[in-house]
Amino acid sequence: MKWSKVEKSAEDLLADTLKGRIRFHVTKYCRGTSYTMSRGWITYDGKELKNFSQVKWLMASGELVRQIESLNTGKEGTKAHPARHGREKWDQAEALLEQKEVFSKDQFYLSLQQYIQLSIDAALNSSNTIIRAIALLDRRCGKRRLATLKPPDDAPNLVKECYRIRCEAEGFHPTT
C-alpha cells in the first residue's frame, strides 16, 4: 500500500482533538534504491515524538548480533551451530531492540498498515508497541474508555507518552 494512503488512513483515525497535531512521516534521504537511508517519525505539535531510523536500527541490531555471537563462541573460538542459530540471533536482537524501543522505519510502516485494518480492541491489546501506542490516539478509543485505561508501570515509554498526550488533549489528567 502506498505511503500516502497509509498516512491518510492512520491520520483519519486520530481523535478530533489531535487531528493536525499528530502527524506520521516517512522519508528516504538518498537517491536510488537504497532503503537504509530512510526513517519514519511521529510529530506532535510539530515536535518529533518518536524516530524510526532504518540506519540506527540496522547498526544496533548488527551490534547485538555480534554480541550474541561472541557469547555463543566455543572454547576454540568457533561458533556453535552457526547455520541453526543464525536467524535465532537476529530474532533475539530484534526482541531486545523492541524492549529498548528502537524500531526501524520498516517496522513503523508495517505497524501502521496493520493498525488501520484492526478493530480498536485488537489495536489496544496488540503485542506490537507501535500499534498499541497509536491506538491510544484513536478516536475509536473514546473518552470513557481512555479514562479507565492506565498503562502499567512497565509499559513502553511510547505507550505512556501517547496516553499522556491523548488525556491532555481530552482535558483530563492522565492517571500515570
N, C-alpha and C. Protein backbone atom coordinates (compact mmCIF):
# COMPACT_ATOMS: atom_id res chain seq x y z
N MET A 1 0.85 -1.18 0.00
CA MET A 1 0.00 0.00 0.00
C MET A 1 0.90 1.24 0.00
N LYS A 2 0.55 2.22 -0.78
CA LYS A 2 1.33 3.45 -0.87
C LYS A 2 1.32 4.21 0.46
N TRP A 3 2.45 4.88 0.74
CA TRP A 3 2.57 5.62 1.99
C TRP A 3 1.47 6.66 2.15
N SER A 4 1.15 7.38 1.10
CA SER A 4 0.16 8.46 1.22
C SER A 4 -1.20 7.92 1.67
N LYS A 5 -1.55 6.72 1.22
CA LYS A 5 -2.82 6.12 1.63
C LYS A 5 -2.75 5.65 3.09
N VAL A 6 -1.64 5.04 3.46
CA VAL A 6 -1.46 4.60 4.85
C VAL A 6 -1.49 5.80 5.79
N GLU A 7 -0.75 6.85 5.43
CA GLU A 7 -0.69 8.07 6.25
C GLU A 7 -2.08 8.68 6.43
N LYS A 8 -2.81 8.84 5.34
CA LYS A 8 -4.14 9.44 5.40
C LYS A 8 -5.09 8.59 6.23
N SER A 9 -5.06 7.28 6.01
CA SER A 9 -5.95 6.38 6.76
C SER A 9 -5.65 6.43 8.25
N ALA A 10 -4.38 6.43 8.62
CA ALA A 10 -4.00 6.47 10.03
C ALA A 10 -4.37 7.82 10.66
N GLU A 11 -4.11 8.90 9.94
CA GLU A 11 -4.43 10.22 10.49
C GLU A 11 -5.94 10.46 10.56
N ASP A 12 -6.70 9.83 9.67
CA ASP A 12 -8.16 9.93 9.73
C ASP A 12 -8.73 9.27 10.98
N LEU A 13 -8.00 8.30 11.53
CA LEU A 13 -8.46 7.61 12.74
C LEU A 13 -8.12 8.35 14.03
N LEU A 14 -7.36 9.42 13.94
CA LEU A 14 -6.99 10.17 15.14
C LEU A 14 -8.21 10.84 15.77
N ALA A 15 -8.14 10.99 17.08
CA ALA A 15 -9.19 11.71 17.80
C ALA A 15 -9.27 13.14 17.27
N ASP A 16 -10.47 13.72 17.28
CA ASP A 16 -10.66 15.08 16.77
C ASP A 16 -9.73 16.08 17.45
N THR A 17 -9.48 15.89 18.73
CA THR A 17 -8.62 16.82 19.47
C THR A 17 -7.15 16.74 19.05
N LEU A 18 -6.79 15.69 18.27
CA LEU A 18 -5.40 15.51 17.85
C LEU A 18 -5.21 15.66 16.35
N LYS A 19 -6.29 15.83 15.60
CA LYS A 19 -6.16 15.99 14.14
C LYS A 19 -5.37 17.25 13.83
N GLY A 20 -4.37 17.08 12.98
CA GLY A 20 -3.49 18.20 12.63
C GLY A 20 -2.37 18.41 13.63
N ARG A 21 -2.48 17.81 14.80
CA ARG A 21 -1.44 17.94 15.82
C ARG A 21 -0.49 16.75 15.80
N ILE A 22 -1.03 15.56 15.55
CA ILE A 22 -0.23 14.35 15.40
C ILE A 22 -0.08 14.09 13.91
N ARG A 23 1.15 13.88 13.46
CA ARG A 23 1.41 13.60 12.04
C ARG A 23 2.35 12.41 11.94
N PHE A 24 2.17 11.61 10.91
CA PHE A 24 3.03 10.47 10.63
C PHE A 24 3.84 10.78 9.38
N HIS A 25 5.14 10.48 9.42
CA HIS A 25 6.04 10.83 8.32
C HIS A 25 6.95 9.65 7.97
N VAL A 26 7.32 9.56 6.69
CA VAL A 26 8.32 8.62 6.20
C VAL A 26 9.10 9.33 5.11
N THR A 27 10.41 9.11 5.09
CA THR A 27 11.23 9.71 4.04
C THR A 27 12.42 8.83 3.73
N LYS A 28 13.03 9.09 2.58
CA LYS A 28 14.26 8.43 2.17
C LYS A 28 15.26 9.55 1.87
N TYR A 29 16.48 9.45 2.40
CA TYR A 29 17.44 10.55 2.32
C TYR A 29 18.44 10.46 1.17
N CYS A 30 18.43 9.41 0.40
CA CYS A 30 19.37 9.37 -0.72
C CYS A 30 18.67 8.87 -1.97
N ARG A 31 19.24 9.18 -3.08
CA ARG A 31 18.66 8.77 -4.35
C ARG A 31 18.95 7.30 -4.60
N GLY A 32 18.21 6.74 -5.51
CA GLY A 32 18.45 5.35 -5.88
C GLY A 32 17.59 4.40 -5.09
N THR A 33 18.03 3.18 -5.04
CA THR A 33 17.21 2.13 -4.42
C THR A 33 17.58 1.85 -2.98
N SER A 34 18.53 2.58 -2.42
CA SER A 34 18.95 2.33 -1.05
C SER A 34 17.82 2.64 -0.07
N TYR A 35 17.42 1.62 0.67
CA TYR A 35 16.36 1.84 1.65
C TYR A 35 16.93 2.09 3.04
N THR A 36 18.24 1.91 3.19
CA THR A 36 18.82 2.07 4.53
C THR A 36 18.84 3.52 4.98
N MET A 37 18.92 4.44 4.05
CA MET A 37 18.95 5.85 4.42
C MET A 37 17.51 6.39 4.47
N SER A 38 16.72 5.80 5.32
CA SER A 38 15.32 6.20 5.42
C SER A 38 14.91 6.19 6.88
N ARG A 39 13.82 6.86 7.15
CA ARG A 39 13.30 6.86 8.51
C ARG A 39 11.83 7.23 8.50
N GLY A 40 11.18 6.90 9.57
CA GLY A 40 9.82 7.33 9.81
C GLY A 40 9.82 8.06 11.13
N TRP A 41 8.82 8.90 11.36
CA TRP A 41 8.73 9.58 12.65
C TRP A 41 7.32 10.07 12.87
N ILE A 42 7.03 10.30 14.13
CA ILE A 42 5.73 10.84 14.54
C ILE A 42 6.01 12.19 15.16
N THR A 43 5.21 13.19 14.76
CA THR A 43 5.34 14.50 15.38
C THR A 43 4.06 14.85 16.13
N TYR A 44 4.24 15.62 17.18
CA TYR A 44 3.14 16.15 17.97
C TYR A 44 3.37 17.66 18.08
N ASP A 45 2.43 18.43 17.58
CA ASP A 45 2.55 19.89 17.52
C ASP A 45 3.88 20.32 16.89
N GLY A 46 4.28 19.59 15.84
CA GLY A 46 5.48 19.94 15.09
C GLY A 46 6.79 19.44 15.68
N LYS A 47 6.75 18.85 16.88
CA LYS A 47 7.96 18.34 17.51
C LYS A 47 8.00 16.82 17.37
N GLU A 48 9.19 16.31 17.14
CA GLU A 48 9.34 14.88 16.96
C GLU A 48 9.05 14.14 18.25
N LEU A 49 8.10 13.22 18.18
CA LEU A 49 7.71 12.40 19.32
C LEU A 49 8.51 11.10 19.34
N LYS A 50 8.65 10.48 18.17
CA LYS A 50 9.37 9.21 18.07
C LYS A 50 10.01 9.10 16.70
N ASN A 51 11.25 8.61 16.68
CA ASN A 51 12.01 8.43 15.45
C ASN A 51 12.14 6.93 15.16
N PHE A 52 11.99 6.55 13.91
CA PHE A 52 12.12 5.17 13.48
C PHE A 52 13.17 5.12 12.37
N SER A 53 14.43 5.20 12.74
CA SER A 53 15.53 5.28 11.78
C SER A 53 15.97 3.89 11.34
N GLN A 54 15.97 3.67 10.03
CA GLN A 54 16.40 2.40 9.47
C GLN A 54 17.89 2.17 9.76
N VAL A 55 18.71 3.19 9.57
CA VAL A 55 20.15 3.06 9.77
C VAL A 55 20.47 2.76 11.23
N LYS A 56 19.88 3.51 12.16
CA LYS A 56 20.15 3.28 13.58
C LYS A 56 19.72 1.87 14.00
N TRP A 57 18.58 1.43 13.48
CA TRP A 57 18.09 0.09 13.82
C TRP A 57 19.04 -0.97 13.27
N LEU A 58 19.47 -0.83 12.02
CA LEU A 58 20.39 -1.81 11.42
C LEU A 58 21.72 -1.86 12.17
N MET A 59 22.24 -0.69 12.54
CA MET A 59 23.50 -0.65 13.28
C MET A 59 23.35 -1.29 14.65
N ALA A 60 22.27 -0.96 15.35
CA ALA A 60 22.04 -1.51 16.69
C ALA A 60 21.80 -3.02 16.63
N SER A 61 21.04 -3.49 15.65
CA SER A 61 20.76 -4.92 15.56
C SER A 61 22.03 -5.68 15.18
N GLY A 62 22.84 -5.12 14.29
CA GLY A 62 24.10 -5.76 13.93
C GLY A 62 25.03 -5.89 15.12
N GLU A 63 25.10 -4.84 15.92
CA GLU A 63 25.94 -4.87 17.13
C GLU A 63 25.43 -5.92 18.11
N LEU A 64 24.14 -6.00 18.30
CA LEU A 64 23.58 -7.01 19.21
C LEU A 64 23.84 -8.42 18.71
N VAL A 65 23.73 -8.64 17.41
CA VAL A 65 24.01 -9.97 16.85
C VAL A 65 25.47 -10.33 17.10
N ARG A 66 26.38 -9.37 16.92
CA ARG A 66 27.80 -9.63 17.20
C ARG A 66 28.00 -9.98 18.68
N GLN A 67 27.32 -9.28 19.57
CA GLN A 67 27.43 -9.59 21.00
C GLN A 67 26.88 -10.97 21.31
N ILE A 68 25.76 -11.31 20.71
CA ILE A 68 25.16 -12.64 20.92
C ILE A 68 26.11 -13.72 20.38
N GLU A 69 26.71 -13.47 19.21
CA GLU A 69 27.66 -14.43 18.63
C GLU A 69 28.86 -14.62 19.54
N SER A 70 29.36 -13.52 20.12
CA SER A 70 30.53 -13.64 20.99
C SER A 70 30.20 -14.42 22.26
N LEU A 71 28.96 -14.33 22.73
CA LEU A 71 28.55 -15.12 23.89
C LEU A 71 28.42 -16.60 23.55
N ASN A 72 28.11 -16.89 22.28
CA ASN A 72 27.93 -18.27 21.84
C ASN A 72 29.20 -18.89 21.28
N THR A 73 30.32 -18.19 21.36
CA THR A 73 31.57 -18.69 20.81
C THR A 73 32.11 -19.80 21.69
N GLY A 74 32.53 -20.88 21.05
CA GLY A 74 33.08 -22.02 21.78
C GLY A 74 34.47 -21.73 22.32
N LYS A 75 35.05 -22.69 23.03
CA LYS A 75 36.36 -22.52 23.65
C LYS A 75 37.46 -22.25 22.63
N GLU A 76 37.37 -22.89 21.46
CA GLU A 76 38.41 -22.70 20.46
C GLU A 76 38.12 -21.52 19.55
N GLY A 77 37.09 -20.74 19.82
CA GLY A 77 36.80 -19.57 19.02
C GLY A 77 35.88 -19.85 17.83
N THR A 78 35.37 -21.06 17.74
CA THR A 78 34.44 -21.36 16.65
C THR A 78 33.02 -21.21 17.17
N LYS A 79 32.16 -20.82 16.27
CA LYS A 79 30.77 -20.61 16.65
C LYS A 79 30.04 -21.95 16.67
N ALA A 80 29.26 -22.15 17.70
CA ALA A 80 28.50 -23.39 17.81
C ALA A 80 27.24 -23.32 16.95
N HIS A 81 27.10 -24.24 16.03
CA HIS A 81 25.93 -24.37 15.17
C HIS A 81 25.53 -23.06 14.49
N PRO A 82 26.40 -22.46 13.67
CA PRO A 82 26.07 -21.17 13.06
C PRO A 82 24.84 -21.22 12.17
N ALA A 83 24.66 -22.28 11.40
CA ALA A 83 23.50 -22.34 10.49
C ALA A 83 22.20 -22.43 11.27
N ARG A 84 22.21 -23.20 12.34
CA ARG A 84 20.99 -23.39 13.10
C ARG A 84 20.62 -22.15 13.92
N HIS A 85 21.60 -21.39 14.35
CA HIS A 85 21.35 -20.26 15.24
C HIS A 85 21.40 -18.90 14.54
N GLY A 86 21.63 -18.87 13.23
CA GLY A 86 21.75 -17.60 12.51
C GLY A 86 20.51 -16.73 12.64
N ARG A 87 19.35 -17.25 12.25
CA ARG A 87 18.11 -16.48 12.32
C ARG A 87 17.70 -16.23 13.77
N GLU A 88 18.01 -17.18 14.62
CA GLU A 88 17.67 -17.06 16.04
C GLU A 88 18.36 -15.84 16.67
N LYS A 89 19.61 -15.59 16.28
CA LYS A 89 20.35 -14.44 16.82
C LYS A 89 19.69 -13.12 16.40
N TRP A 90 19.26 -13.05 15.14
CA TRP A 90 18.60 -11.83 14.66
C TRP A 90 17.26 -11.63 15.37
N ASP A 91 16.55 -12.73 15.62
CA ASP A 91 15.27 -12.63 16.34
C ASP A 91 15.49 -12.15 17.77
N GLN A 92 16.57 -12.65 18.40
CA GLN A 92 16.90 -12.21 19.76
C GLN A 92 17.25 -10.72 19.76
N ALA A 93 18.03 -10.31 18.78
CA ALA A 93 18.42 -8.90 18.69
C ALA A 93 17.20 -8.02 18.48
N GLU A 94 16.29 -8.44 17.61
CA GLU A 94 15.08 -7.67 17.35
C GLU A 94 14.21 -7.54 18.61
N ALA A 95 14.11 -8.64 19.36
CA ALA A 95 13.33 -8.60 20.61
C ALA A 95 13.97 -7.66 21.62
N LEU A 96 15.29 -7.68 21.72
CA LEU A 96 15.99 -6.78 22.65
C LEU A 96 15.82 -5.32 22.24
N LEU A 97 15.87 -5.06 20.95
CA LEU A 97 15.69 -3.69 20.47
C LEU A 97 14.27 -3.21 20.72
N GLU A 98 13.30 -4.10 20.59
CA GLU A 98 11.91 -3.71 20.87
C GLU A 98 11.76 -3.33 22.35
N GLN A 99 12.42 -4.07 23.24
CA GLN A 99 12.39 -3.73 24.65
C GLN A 99 13.00 -2.36 24.90
N LYS A 100 14.01 -2.01 24.12
CA LYS A 100 14.67 -0.70 24.24
C LYS A 100 13.94 0.37 23.44
N GLU A 101 12.85 -0.01 22.78
CA GLU A 101 12.05 0.89 21.94
C GLU A 101 12.85 1.47 20.78
N VAL A 102 13.67 0.64 20.18
CA VAL A 102 14.40 1.01 18.97
C VAL A 102 13.73 0.27 17.82
N PHE A 103 13.09 1.04 16.94
CA PHE A 103 12.34 0.45 15.84
C PHE A 103 12.85 1.00 14.51
N SER A 104 12.70 0.20 13.46
CA SER A 104 13.11 0.63 12.13
C SER A 104 11.95 1.33 11.43
N LYS A 105 12.26 1.98 10.34
CA LYS A 105 11.23 2.60 9.51
C LYS A 105 10.30 1.54 8.96
N ASP A 106 10.85 0.39 8.60
CA ASP A 106 10.02 -0.70 8.09
C ASP A 106 9.02 -1.19 9.14
N GLN A 107 9.47 -1.31 10.38
CA GLN A 107 8.57 -1.73 11.45
C GLN A 107 7.44 -0.71 11.65
N PHE A 108 7.78 0.56 11.59
CA PHE A 108 6.80 1.63 11.72
C PHE A 108 5.77 1.56 10.60
N TYR A 109 6.26 1.45 9.38
CA TYR A 109 5.39 1.41 8.20
C TYR A 109 4.45 0.19 8.25
N LEU A 110 5.01 -0.98 8.54
CA LEU A 110 4.19 -2.20 8.62
C LEU A 110 3.20 -2.12 9.78
N SER A 111 3.61 -1.53 10.88
CA SER A 111 2.70 -1.38 12.03
C SER A 111 1.52 -0.48 11.67
N LEU A 112 1.78 0.61 10.97
CA LEU A 112 0.69 1.49 10.55
C LEU A 112 -0.24 0.78 9.57
N GLN A 113 0.33 0.01 8.65
CA GLN A 113 -0.50 -0.75 7.71
C GLN A 113 -1.42 -1.72 8.45
N GLN A 114 -0.88 -2.41 9.43
CA GLN A 114 -1.68 -3.36 10.21
C GLN A 114 -2.71 -2.63 11.06
N TYR A 115 -2.29 -1.53 11.66
CA TYR A 115 -3.15 -0.77 12.57
C TYR A 115 -4.45 -0.32 11.91
N ILE A 116 -4.36 0.19 10.70
CA ILE A 116 -5.57 0.72 10.05
C ILE A 116 -6.57 -0.38 9.70
N GLN A 117 -6.13 -1.63 9.75
CA GLN A 117 -7.02 -2.76 9.47
C GLN A 117 -7.64 -3.36 10.74
N LEU A 118 -7.16 -2.96 11.90
CA LEU A 118 -7.57 -3.58 13.17
C LEU A 118 -8.76 -2.88 13.81
N SER A 119 -9.51 -3.63 14.59
CA SER A 119 -10.53 -3.03 15.45
C SER A 119 -9.80 -2.32 16.58
N ILE A 120 -10.48 -1.43 17.26
CA ILE A 120 -9.82 -0.71 18.36
C ILE A 120 -9.45 -1.65 19.50
N ASP A 121 -10.28 -2.65 19.77
CA ASP A 121 -9.96 -3.62 20.82
C ASP A 121 -8.69 -4.39 20.48
N ALA A 122 -8.59 -4.85 19.24
CA ALA A 122 -7.39 -5.58 18.82
C ALA A 122 -6.16 -4.69 18.87
N ALA A 123 -6.30 -3.42 18.48
CA ALA A 123 -5.16 -2.50 18.49
C ALA A 123 -4.70 -2.20 19.92
N LEU A 124 -5.64 -1.96 20.82
CA LEU A 124 -5.28 -1.66 22.21
C LEU A 124 -4.64 -2.85 22.92
N ASN A 125 -4.96 -4.06 22.48
CA ASN A 125 -4.42 -5.27 23.10
C ASN A 125 -3.30 -5.90 22.30
N SER A 126 -2.82 -5.21 21.28
CA SER A 126 -1.76 -5.74 20.43
C SER A 126 -0.46 -5.90 21.20
N SER A 127 0.32 -6.89 20.81
CA SER A 127 1.65 -7.05 21.40
C SER A 127 2.65 -6.08 20.76
N ASN A 128 2.25 -5.46 19.66
CA ASN A 128 3.09 -4.50 18.94
C ASN A 128 3.01 -3.14 19.65
N THR A 129 4.15 -2.67 20.13
CA THR A 129 4.23 -1.40 20.87
C THR A 129 3.71 -0.23 20.05
N ILE A 130 4.09 -0.17 18.78
CA ILE A 130 3.69 0.95 17.93
C ILE A 130 2.18 0.98 17.75
N ILE A 131 1.59 -0.17 17.47
CA ILE A 131 0.14 -0.25 17.29
C ILE A 131 -0.58 0.14 18.57
N ARG A 132 -0.12 -0.39 19.69
CA ARG A 132 -0.77 -0.09 20.98
C ARG A 132 -0.69 1.40 21.31
N ALA A 133 0.44 2.03 21.01
CA ALA A 133 0.59 3.45 21.29
C ALA A 133 -0.33 4.29 20.41
N ILE A 134 -0.37 4.00 19.13
CA ILE A 134 -1.20 4.77 18.21
C ILE A 134 -2.69 4.56 18.51
N ALA A 135 -3.05 3.38 18.98
CA ALA A 135 -4.45 3.10 19.33
C ALA A 135 -4.95 4.05 20.43
N LEU A 136 -4.06 4.49 21.30
CA LEU A 136 -4.45 5.42 22.36
C LEU A 136 -4.80 6.81 21.80
N LEU A 137 -4.35 7.08 20.59
CA LEU A 137 -4.63 8.37 19.95
C LEU A 137 -5.87 8.29 19.05
N ASP A 138 -6.43 7.12 18.93
CA ASP A 138 -7.52 6.82 18.01
C ASP A 138 -8.86 7.34 18.53
N ARG A 139 -9.66 7.90 17.64
CA ARG A 139 -10.98 8.40 18.03
C ARG A 139 -11.90 7.27 18.49
N ARG A 140 -11.64 6.04 18.03
CA ARG A 140 -12.46 4.89 18.43
C ARG A 140 -12.22 4.50 19.88
N CYS A 141 -11.13 4.98 20.45
CA CYS A 141 -10.88 4.83 21.88
C CYS A 141 -11.47 6.07 22.54
N GLY A 142 -12.71 5.97 22.94
CA GLY A 142 -13.43 7.12 23.46
C GLY A 142 -12.92 7.61 24.80
N LYS A 143 -13.46 8.74 25.23
CA LYS A 143 -13.02 9.35 26.48
C LYS A 143 -13.29 8.45 27.68
N ARG A 144 -14.45 7.81 27.70
CA ARG A 144 -14.76 6.94 28.85
C ARG A 144 -13.80 5.76 28.93
N ARG A 145 -13.52 5.15 27.79
CA ARG A 145 -12.57 4.03 27.79
C ARG A 145 -11.19 4.53 28.17
N LEU A 146 -10.80 5.66 27.62
CA LEU A 146 -9.49 6.23 27.93
C LEU A 146 -9.34 6.50 29.43
N ALA A 147 -10.41 6.98 30.04
CA ALA A 147 -10.38 7.27 31.48
C ALA A 147 -10.18 6.00 32.31
N THR A 148 -10.61 4.86 31.78
CA THR A 148 -10.45 3.61 32.54
C THR A 148 -9.12 2.92 32.26
N LEU A 149 -8.45 3.34 31.20
CA LEU A 149 -7.15 2.74 30.86
C LEU A 149 -6.05 3.39 31.69
N LYS A 150 -5.12 2.58 32.08
CA LYS A 150 -3.91 3.11 32.71
C LYS A 150 -2.78 2.18 32.30
N PRO A 151 -1.84 2.69 31.50
CA PRO A 151 -0.74 1.82 31.11
C PRO A 151 0.02 1.36 32.35
N PRO A 152 0.40 0.09 32.39
CA PRO A 152 1.17 -0.39 33.55
C PRO A 152 2.51 0.33 33.66
N ASP A 153 3.09 0.29 34.83
CA ASP A 153 4.36 0.97 35.07
C ASP A 153 5.47 0.49 34.13
N ASP A 154 5.40 -0.79 33.73
CA ASP A 154 6.44 -1.31 32.85
C ASP A 154 6.08 -1.18 31.37
N ALA A 155 5.03 -0.42 31.06
CA ALA A 155 4.64 -0.19 29.67
C ALA A 155 5.74 0.60 28.96
N PRO A 156 5.89 0.39 27.66
CA PRO A 156 6.89 1.16 26.90
C PRO A 156 6.64 2.66 27.00
N ASN A 157 7.71 3.43 26.94
CA ASN A 157 7.60 4.89 27.04
C ASN A 157 6.71 5.48 25.96
N LEU A 158 6.75 4.91 24.75
CA LEU A 158 5.91 5.41 23.67
C LEU A 158 4.43 5.27 24.01
N VAL A 159 4.06 4.17 24.61
CA VAL A 159 2.67 3.94 25.02
C VAL A 159 2.29 4.95 26.11
N LYS A 160 3.15 5.14 27.09
CA LYS A 160 2.88 6.10 28.17
C LYS A 160 2.75 7.52 27.63
N GLU A 161 3.63 7.88 26.70
CA GLU A 161 3.61 9.23 26.15
C GLU A 161 2.35 9.48 25.32
N CYS A 162 1.95 8.51 24.53
CA CYS A 162 0.72 8.66 23.74
C CYS A 162 -0.50 8.74 24.64
N TYR A 163 -0.50 7.99 25.72
CA TYR A 163 -1.59 8.05 26.70
C TYR A 163 -1.66 9.45 27.33
N ARG A 164 -0.49 9.98 27.71
CA ARG A 164 -0.44 11.31 28.32
C ARG A 164 -0.94 12.38 27.34
N ILE A 165 -0.47 12.30 26.10
CA ILE A 165 -0.87 13.27 25.08
C ILE A 165 -2.38 13.24 24.87
N ARG A 166 -2.93 12.05 24.75
CA ARG A 166 -4.38 11.93 24.49
C ARG A 166 -5.18 12.44 25.69
N CYS A 167 -4.78 12.08 26.90
CA CYS A 167 -5.50 12.55 28.09
C CYS A 167 -5.48 14.07 28.16
N GLU A 168 -4.33 14.68 27.95
CA GLU A 168 -4.23 16.13 28.00
C GLU A 168 -5.05 16.78 26.88
N ALA A 169 -5.07 16.17 25.71
CA ALA A 169 -5.86 16.71 24.59
C ALA A 169 -7.34 16.65 24.90
N GLU A 170 -7.76 15.64 25.66
CA GLU A 170 -9.18 15.48 26.02
C GLU A 170 -9.54 16.28 27.26
N GLY A 171 -8.54 16.88 27.89
CA GLY A 171 -8.82 17.76 29.02
C GLY A 171 -8.90 17.11 30.38
N PHE A 172 -8.33 15.92 30.52
CA PHE A 172 -8.26 15.36 31.86
C PHE A 172 -6.86 14.85 32.17
N HIS A 173 -6.56 14.79 33.47
CA HIS A 173 -5.23 14.45 33.93
C HIS A 173 -4.99 12.96 33.78
N PRO A 174 -3.89 12.57 33.13
CA PRO A 174 -3.60 11.15 32.99
C PRO A 174 -3.34 10.52 34.35
N THR A 175 -3.68 9.24 34.46
CA THR A 175 -3.55 8.56 35.74
C THR A 175 -2.20 7.92 35.93
N THR A 176 -1.24 8.19 35.02
CA THR A 176 0.11 7.62 35.22
C THR A 176 0.96 8.59 35.99
